[in-house]
Amino acid sequence: MPGYGLTRARTMGPIAEAVSAAGGSLARVFGRADIPLTLLDTPDRLILLRDQLSLVDAAIREIGDPALPARLSTGIGIAGLGPIGVQVRTAETLGAALARVEVVTPILLQTATWTGQRQQGANAFYGYTVVERIESGRQANEILALGYLLGTVRHFLGPAWRPAHAVVTGATLAGRTEIQELFGSEIAFGSRAGLIFPAFHLDTPNPNRHDPGRLATAEDEPIGGDLAACVAHLIELGLDETRPSIDGVARRLGLSRRTLQRRLDDLGTRYVDIRHRVMAQRAKALLAGESLSIGRIACELGYTDTSHFTRAFLEWTGMTPSRWRRDVRVRRPVRDF
């Protein structure tokens, strides 16, 4: 079974800002990528990797700037990598940092991809590959990733450092001259995207090492990369706009309805079970708040009336929404003022 890539929604913020700054339409860009604008308000939410690639591609077409991915990632640097940037800043050497990145990237930031370092004689190859079968937006995503890889190495070697050369897949590259200027190196074509530089740089110590002892944050939570996890994330995403259907989820995954049902059955679960779990989690999160009435929450979850939502919630949890909300309020600690 092929892997289904997921990534953090935080990567969409800089893309949206660039589109707005250029006078483009965010509604049109997100509409072309078939993803809701509400994701901009929840940067730690998970989305399909193929949706991120589609968004980058749509943004490039909207503002007519093929160098946009390179401009974004080189401007942001490792700060845009979230928990991966933390791993880089706390490593003792460049080689240790790249080894950490290879291990934690598919766990914390982006599944169905490979980011790592390999020796090529006297040179090191620091590469990035999308292992999921996605063609649309692949090269633009590689350029985006190479800018972040460049920022990782520059944390150790300084902002003026340049690789021997960079590599992308394909046979042509729109905006190649400008992208080369942004990267500070020539760009060649090969079977895997990456940066090539002398291997002795791997021993470079961290010039500004951060304290490795720190508290974990929500963004450090592992990304589930299996099919059931992908379905759950797509259902949750669909709740931002309408009540998600199995046909819509199957279409987003590039599967037929029957194929999706069969693969979930092989995993010992069903679409309806996953949907009920996601709906219950969203309902509990809304009920734990103080601002929305139960009727409004029912509407937010796609129910036509409160009674239908109440029956569904009772089936999921064994209690009514009003009882669950009262219990939460009783358990909530009283603040001292």
Protein backbone atom coordinates (compact mmCIF):
# COMPACT_ATOMS: atom_id res chain seq x y z
CA MET A 1 0.00 0.00 0.00
CA PRO A 2 1.47 3.45 -0.86
CA GLY A 3 2.24 5.96 1.88
CA TYR A 4 0.00 9.00 2.30
CA GLY A 5 2.05 12.08 3.16
CA LEU A 6 0.98 14.56 5.81
CA THR A 7 2.54 17.88 6.74
CA ARG A 8 1.92 20.76 9.14
CA ALA A 9 -0.34 23.60 7.99
CA ARG A 10 2.16 26.18 9.28
CA THR A 11 3.88 26.14 5.88
CA MET A 12 0.83 27.87 4.39
CA GLY A 13 1.22 31.12 6.36
CA PRO A 14 4.22 32.53 4.46
CA ILE A 15 2.69 31.44 1.14
CA ALA A 16 -0.52 33.28 1.95
CA GLU A 17 1.39 36.41 3.02
CA ALA A 18 3.36 36.41 -0.24
CA VAL A 19 0.18 36.07 -2.31
CA SER A 20 -1.49 38.94 -0.42
CA ALA A 21 1.60 41.16 -0.70
CA ALA A 22 1.62 40.62 -4.47
CA GLY A 23 -2.05 41.57 -4.73
CA GLY A 24 -3.25 38.04 -5.44
CA SER A 25 -6.49 36.45 -4.29
CA LEU A 26 -6.16 34.06 -1.34
CA ALA A 27 -9.67 32.76 -1.93
CA ARG A 28 -8.76 31.85 -5.51
CA VAL A 29 -5.44 30.21 -4.52
CA PHE A 30 -6.95 28.11 -1.74
CA GLY A 31 -9.93 27.31 -3.94
CA ARG A 32 -7.67 25.98 -6.69
CA ALA A 33 -5.90 23.80 -4.12
CA ASP A 34 -9.30 22.66 -2.78
CA ILE A 35 -8.46 23.47 0.85
CA PRO A 36 -10.20 25.85 3.30
CA LEU A 37 -8.77 29.25 4.23
CA THR A 38 -9.49 28.46 7.90
CA LEU A 39 -6.28 26.41 7.97
CA LEU A 40 -4.36 29.67 8.30
CA ASP A 41 -5.75 29.99 11.83
CA THR A 42 -4.59 26.52 12.91
CA PRO A 43 -0.90 26.16 11.92
CA ASP A 44 -0.37 22.88 13.81
CA ARG A 45 -3.20 21.11 11.98
CA LEU A 46 -2.20 18.34 9.60
CA ILE A 47 -2.92 18.41 5.88
CA LEU A 48 -2.13 16.14 2.96
CA LEU A 49 1.32 16.69 1.50
CA ARG A 50 -0.24 16.72 -1.96
CA ASP A 51 -2.44 19.65 -0.83
CA GLN A 52 0.63 21.64 0.19
CA LEU A 53 2.20 20.99 -3.20
CA SER A 54 -1.02 22.08 -4.91
CA LEU A 55 -1.12 25.29 -2.84
CA VAL A 56 2.46 26.22 -3.76
CA ASP A 57 1.70 25.57 -7.43
CA ALA A 58 -1.51 27.65 -7.26
CA ALA A 59 0.33 30.52 -5.54
CA ILE A 60 3.01 30.57 -8.24
CA ARG A 61 0.36 30.72 -10.97
CA GLU A 62 -1.64 33.39 -9.12
CA ILE A 63 1.21 35.89 -8.82
CA GLY A 64 3.32 34.74 -11.77
CA ASP A 65 6.51 34.23 -9.72
CA PRO A 66 8.23 30.86 -10.33
CA ALA A 67 10.97 31.83 -7.84
CA LEU A 68 8.43 32.22 -5.02
CA PRO A 69 9.33 28.93 -3.22
CA ALA A 70 13.04 29.86 -3.13
CA ARG A 71 12.27 33.40 -2.00
CA LEU A 72 10.06 32.15 0.84
CA SER A 73 12.32 29.44 2.25
CA THR A 74 15.58 31.37 1.97
CA GLY A 75 13.93 34.36 3.64
CA ILE A 76 12.50 32.38 6.55
CA GLY A 77 15.35 29.92 7.15
CA ILE A 78 15.18 27.23 9.82
CA ALA A 79 12.65 29.26 11.82
CA GLY A 80 10.05 27.98 9.34
CA LEU A 81 10.80 24.37 10.26
CA GLY A 82 9.29 24.57 13.75
CA PRO A 83 10.39 21.55 15.83
CA ILE A 84 12.97 20.58 13.20
CA GLY A 85 14.63 23.96 13.62
CA VAL A 86 14.89 23.26 17.35
CA GLN A 87 16.68 19.99 16.60
CA VAL A 88 19.15 21.85 14.38
CA ARG A 89 19.88 24.62 16.88
CA THR A 90 20.60 22.16 19.71
CA ALA A 91 22.92 19.81 17.75
CA GLU A 92 26.66 19.86 18.48
CA THR A 93 27.84 19.75 14.85
CA LEU A 94 26.42 20.13 11.36
CA GLY A 95 26.71 16.37 10.78
CA ALA A 96 24.82 15.65 14.01
CA ALA A 97 22.11 18.15 13.00
CA LEU A 98 21.57 16.51 9.59
CA ALA A 99 21.39 13.08 11.23
CA ARG A 100 18.70 14.37 13.59
CA VAL A 101 16.75 15.96 10.74
CA GLU A 102 16.67 12.65 8.88
CA VAL A 103 15.18 10.86 11.90
CA VAL A 104 12.64 13.40 13.14
CA THR A 105 11.32 15.03 9.95
CA PRO A 106 8.94 12.17 9.00
CA ILE A 107 7.84 11.93 12.65
CA LEU A 108 7.23 15.58 13.52
CA LEU A 109 6.91 17.65 10.36
CA GLN A 110 6.25 15.79 7.12
CA THR A 111 5.61 12.15 6.28
CA ALA A 112 6.12 10.40 2.89
CA THR A 113 9.34 12.37 2.40
CA TRP A 114 13.05 11.74 2.96
CA THR A 115 15.44 14.42 4.17
CA GLY A 116 18.98 13.34 4.96
CA GLN A 117 22.69 13.36 4.22
CA ARG A 118 24.74 10.88 2.19
CA GLN A 119 28.45 10.79 1.37
CA GLN A 120 29.53 11.14 -2.27
CA GLY A 121 33.29 10.72 -2.19
CA ALA A 122 34.80 13.92 -0.78
CA ASN A 123 31.40 15.61 -0.91
CA ALA A 124 28.25 15.46 1.19
CA PHE A 125 24.81 15.32 -0.43
CA TYR A 126 22.07 16.85 1.74
CA GLY A 127 18.89 15.78 -0.03
CA TYR A 128 15.09 15.91 -0.06
CA THR A 129 12.69 13.53 -1.79
CA VAL A 130 8.91 13.13 -1.88
CA VAL A 131 8.42 9.37 -1.81
CA GLU A 132 4.66 9.54 -2.40
CA ARG A 133 3.61 9.40 -6.06
CA ILE A 134 2.77 13.07 -6.59
CA GLU A 135 3.65 14.93 -9.79
CA SER A 136 1.78 18.26 -9.58
CA GLY A 137 3.91 20.86 -7.80
CA ARG A 138 6.74 18.41 -7.04
CA GLN A 139 9.58 20.56 -8.40
CA ALA A 140 8.27 23.73 -6.75
CA ASN A 141 8.11 21.86 -3.44
CA GLU A 142 11.71 20.71 -3.94
CA ILE A 143 12.82 24.32 -4.40
CA LEU A 144 10.93 25.27 -1.24
CA ALA A 145 12.63 22.43 0.66
CA LEU A 146 16.10 23.28 -0.69
CA GLY A 147 15.80 26.78 0.73
CA TYR A 148 15.14 25.30 4.18
CA LEU A 149 18.04 22.86 3.74
CA LEU A 150 20.24 25.80 2.83
CA GLY A 151 19.15 27.60 6.00
CA THR A 152 20.07 24.54 8.07
CA VAL A 153 23.64 24.47 6.75
CA ARG A 154 23.99 28.26 7.02
CA HIS A 155 23.16 28.07 10.72
CA PHE A 156 26.59 26.39 11.08
CA LEU A 157 28.58 27.94 8.22
CA GLY A 158 27.20 31.48 8.18
CA PRO A 159 24.63 33.39 6.07
CA ALA A 160 27.05 33.98 3.19
CA TRP A 161 27.87 30.27 2.69
CA ARG A 162 27.08 28.77 -0.73
CA PRO A 163 26.90 25.09 -1.74
CA ALA A 164 29.03 23.75 -4.58
CA HIS A 165 25.75 23.37 -6.44
CA ALA A 166 22.10 22.41 -5.95
CA VAL A 167 20.12 19.66 -7.68
CA VAL A 168 16.43 19.40 -8.59
CA THR A 169 14.49 16.74 -10.49
CA GLY A 170 13.11 17.25 -13.96
CA ALA A 171 14.63 18.61 -17.18
CA THR A 172 13.69 22.30 -17.04
CA LEU A 173 13.18 24.85 -14.26
CA ALA A 174 11.09 27.99 -14.60
CA GLY A 175 12.80 31.02 -13.03
CA ARG A 176 16.11 29.18 -12.93
CA THR A 177 18.34 32.28 -13.11
CA GLU A 178 16.59 34.04 -10.21
CA ILE A 179 16.49 30.87 -8.11
CA GLN A 180 20.22 30.37 -8.64
CA GLU A 181 20.81 33.93 -7.44
CA LEU A 182 18.73 33.31 -4.32
CA PHE A 183 20.57 30.05 -3.54
CA GLY A 184 23.95 31.49 -4.51
CA SER A 185 24.83 28.43 -6.61
CA GLU A 186 24.28 26.74 -9.92
CA ILE A 187 21.33 24.35 -10.20
CA ALA A 188 21.73 21.01 -11.97
CA PHE A 189 19.15 18.30 -12.74
CA GLY A 190 19.23 14.82 -11.25
CA SER A 191 17.16 11.97 -9.82
CA ARG A 192 16.97 13.50 -6.31
CA ALA A 193 16.91 17.13 -5.10
CA GLY A 194 19.63 18.30 -2.74
CA LEU A 195 22.69 20.40 -1.93
CA ILE A 196 26.27 19.28 -2.59
CA PHE A 197 29.18 20.60 -0.51
CA PRO A 198 32.58 19.43 0.86
CA ALA A 199 32.10 16.69 3.45
CA PHE A 200 34.59 18.25 5.90
CA HIS A 201 31.93 20.87 6.69
CA LEU A 202 29.99 18.16 8.57
CA ASP A 203 32.45 18.49 11.47
CA THR A 204 31.71 22.20 11.91
CA PRO A 205 30.63 22.90 15.52
CA ASN A 206 27.41 24.75 16.28
CA PRO A 207 28.39 28.44 16.69
CA ASN A 208 25.21 29.29 18.57
CA ARG A 209 24.00 26.13 20.25
CA HIS A 210 20.75 26.42 22.17
CA ASP A 211 20.06 24.64 25.43
CA PRO A 212 18.85 21.14 24.47
CA GLY A 213 16.81 20.82 27.67
CA ARG A 214 13.35 22.26 27.09
CA LEU A 215 9.71 21.36 27.50
CA ALA A 216 7.94 19.57 24.66
CA THR A 217 5.25 21.52 22.83
CA ALA A 218 2.14 20.53 20.90
CA GLU A 219 4.04 20.75 17.63
CA ASP A 220 6.38 17.97 18.86
CA GLU A 221 3.59 15.40 18.70
CA PRO A 222 4.25 12.65 16.14
CA ILE A 223 2.36 12.71 12.86
CA GLY A 224 0.38 9.57 12.16
CA GLY A 225 1.23 8.45 8.65
CA ASP A 226 -1.09 5.48 8.15
CA LEU A 227 -4.24 5.48 6.02
CA ALA A 228 -6.62 5.60 8.99
CA ALA A 229 -4.79 8.66 10.36
CA CYS A 230 -5.01 10.36 6.95
CA VAL A 231 -8.74 9.69 6.76
CA ALA A 232 -9.22 11.12 10.27
CA HIS A 233 -7.31 14.29 9.35
CA LEU A 234 -9.30 14.73 6.14
CA ILE A 235 -12.58 14.34 8.03
CA GLU A 236 -11.44 16.90 10.60
CA LEU A 237 -10.43 19.25 7.81
CA GLY A 238 -13.78 18.76 6.10
CA LEU A 239 -15.61 19.84 9.26
CA ASP A 240 -14.32 23.38 8.64
CA GLU A 241 -16.60 23.69 5.62
CA THR A 242 -19.27 20.99 5.54
CA ARG A 243 -20.03 17.52 6.80
CA PRO A 244 -17.38 15.33 5.11
CA SER A 245 -18.41 12.31 3.03
CA ILE A 246 -16.58 9.09 2.31
CA ASP A 247 -16.71 9.89 -1.42
CA GLY A 248 -15.03 13.25 -0.85
CA VAL A 249 -12.31 11.74 1.34
CA ALA A 250 -11.68 8.93 -1.16
CA ARG A 251 -11.36 11.49 -3.97
CA ARG A 252 -8.78 13.51 -1.98
CA LEU A 253 -6.73 10.34 -1.53
CA GLY A 254 -6.97 9.38 -5.18
CA LEU A 255 -8.94 6.21 -4.38
CA SER A 256 -12.35 4.86 -5.26
CA ARG A 257 -14.94 4.54 -2.48
CA ARG A 258 -14.74 0.74 -2.55
CA THR A 259 -10.93 0.72 -2.48
CA LEU A 260 -10.89 3.03 0.55
CA GLN A 261 -13.45 0.87 2.35
CA ARG A 262 -11.47 -2.28 1.60
CA ARG A 263 -8.17 -0.82 2.81
CA LEU A 264 -9.72 0.47 6.02
CA ASP A 265 -11.29 -2.93 6.56
CA ASP A 266 -7.83 -4.48 6.20
CA LEU A 267 -6.71 -2.18 9.02
CA GLY A 268 -9.58 -3.34 11.21
CA THR A 269 -11.62 -0.15 11.08
CA ARG A 270 -14.37 1.55 9.05
CA TYR A 271 -14.91 5.05 7.70
CA VAL A 272 -17.97 5.55 9.89
CA ASP A 273 -16.00 4.61 13.03
CA ILE A 274 -13.27 7.11 12.20
CA ARG A 275 -15.82 9.81 11.44
CA HIS A 276 -17.64 9.24 14.72
CA ARG A 277 -14.36 9.50 16.63
CA VAL A 278 -13.39 12.75 14.91
CA MET A 279 -16.88 14.23 15.33
CA ALA A 280 -16.86 13.35 19.03
CA GLN A 281 -13.46 14.98 19.52
CA ARG A 282 -14.56 18.18 17.76
CA ALA A 283 -17.84 18.23 19.70
CA LYS A 284 -16.03 17.86 23.04
CA ALA A 285 -13.61 20.65 22.14
CA LEU A 286 -16.50 22.99 21.31
CA LEU A 287 -18.51 22.01 24.37
CA ALA A 288 -15.52 22.65 26.62
CA GLY A 289 -15.63 26.29 25.53
CA GLU A 290 -17.98 28.86 26.97
CA SER A 291 -19.00 30.85 23.91
CA LEU A 292 -21.17 28.52 21.80
CA SER A 293 -24.60 27.19 22.65
CA ILE A 294 -25.34 23.50 22.10
CA GLY A 295 -27.59 24.45 19.22
CA ARG A 296 -24.80 26.43 17.59
CA ILE A 297 -22.35 23.55 18.09
CA ALA A 298 -24.85 21.19 16.41
CA CYS A 299 -24.96 23.57 13.45
CA GLU A 300 -21.15 23.82 13.33
CA LEU A 301 -20.97 20.02 13.06
CA GLY A 302 -23.49 19.90 10.22
CA TYR A 303 -26.62 18.80 12.12
CA THR A 304 -29.96 20.31 11.11
CA ASP A 305 -31.26 20.42 14.68
CA THR A 306 -30.10 19.99 18.27
CA SER A 307 -31.98 16.74 18.84
CA HIS A 308 -30.09 14.92 16.08
CA PHE A 309 -26.77 16.11 17.51
CA THR A 310 -27.82 15.11 21.03
CA ARG A 311 -28.68 11.56 19.93
CA ALA A 312 -25.37 11.25 18.07
CA PHE A 313 -23.34 12.57 21.02
CA LEU A 314 -25.15 10.20 23.36
CA GLU A 315 -24.21 7.31 21.08
CA TRP A 316 -20.53 8.42 20.99
CA THR A 317 -20.02 9.13 24.69
CA GLY A 318 -22.90 7.64 26.67
CA MET A 319 -24.10 11.06 27.89
CA THR A 320 -25.89 14.09 26.49
CA PRO A 321 -23.98 17.23 25.40
CA SER A 322 -25.45 19.28 28.25
CA ARG A 323 -24.43 16.66 30.82
CA TRP A 324 -20.91 16.43 29.37
CA ARG A 325 -20.55 20.24 29.46
CA ARG A 326 -21.73 20.37 33.10
CA ASP A 327 -19.26 17.66 34.09
CA VAL A 328 -16.40 19.52 32.42
CA ARG A 329 -17.30 22.71 34.28
CA VAL A 330 -17.39 20.86 37.59
CA ARG A 331 -13.95 19.30 36.96
CA ARG A 332 -12.42 22.59 35.78
CA PRO A 333 -10.21 24.08 38.54
CA VAL A 334 -11.38 27.33 40.12
CA ARG A 335 -8.98 30.24 39.58
CA ASP A 336 -7.92 32.47 42.45
CA PHE A 337 -8.26 36.17 41.71
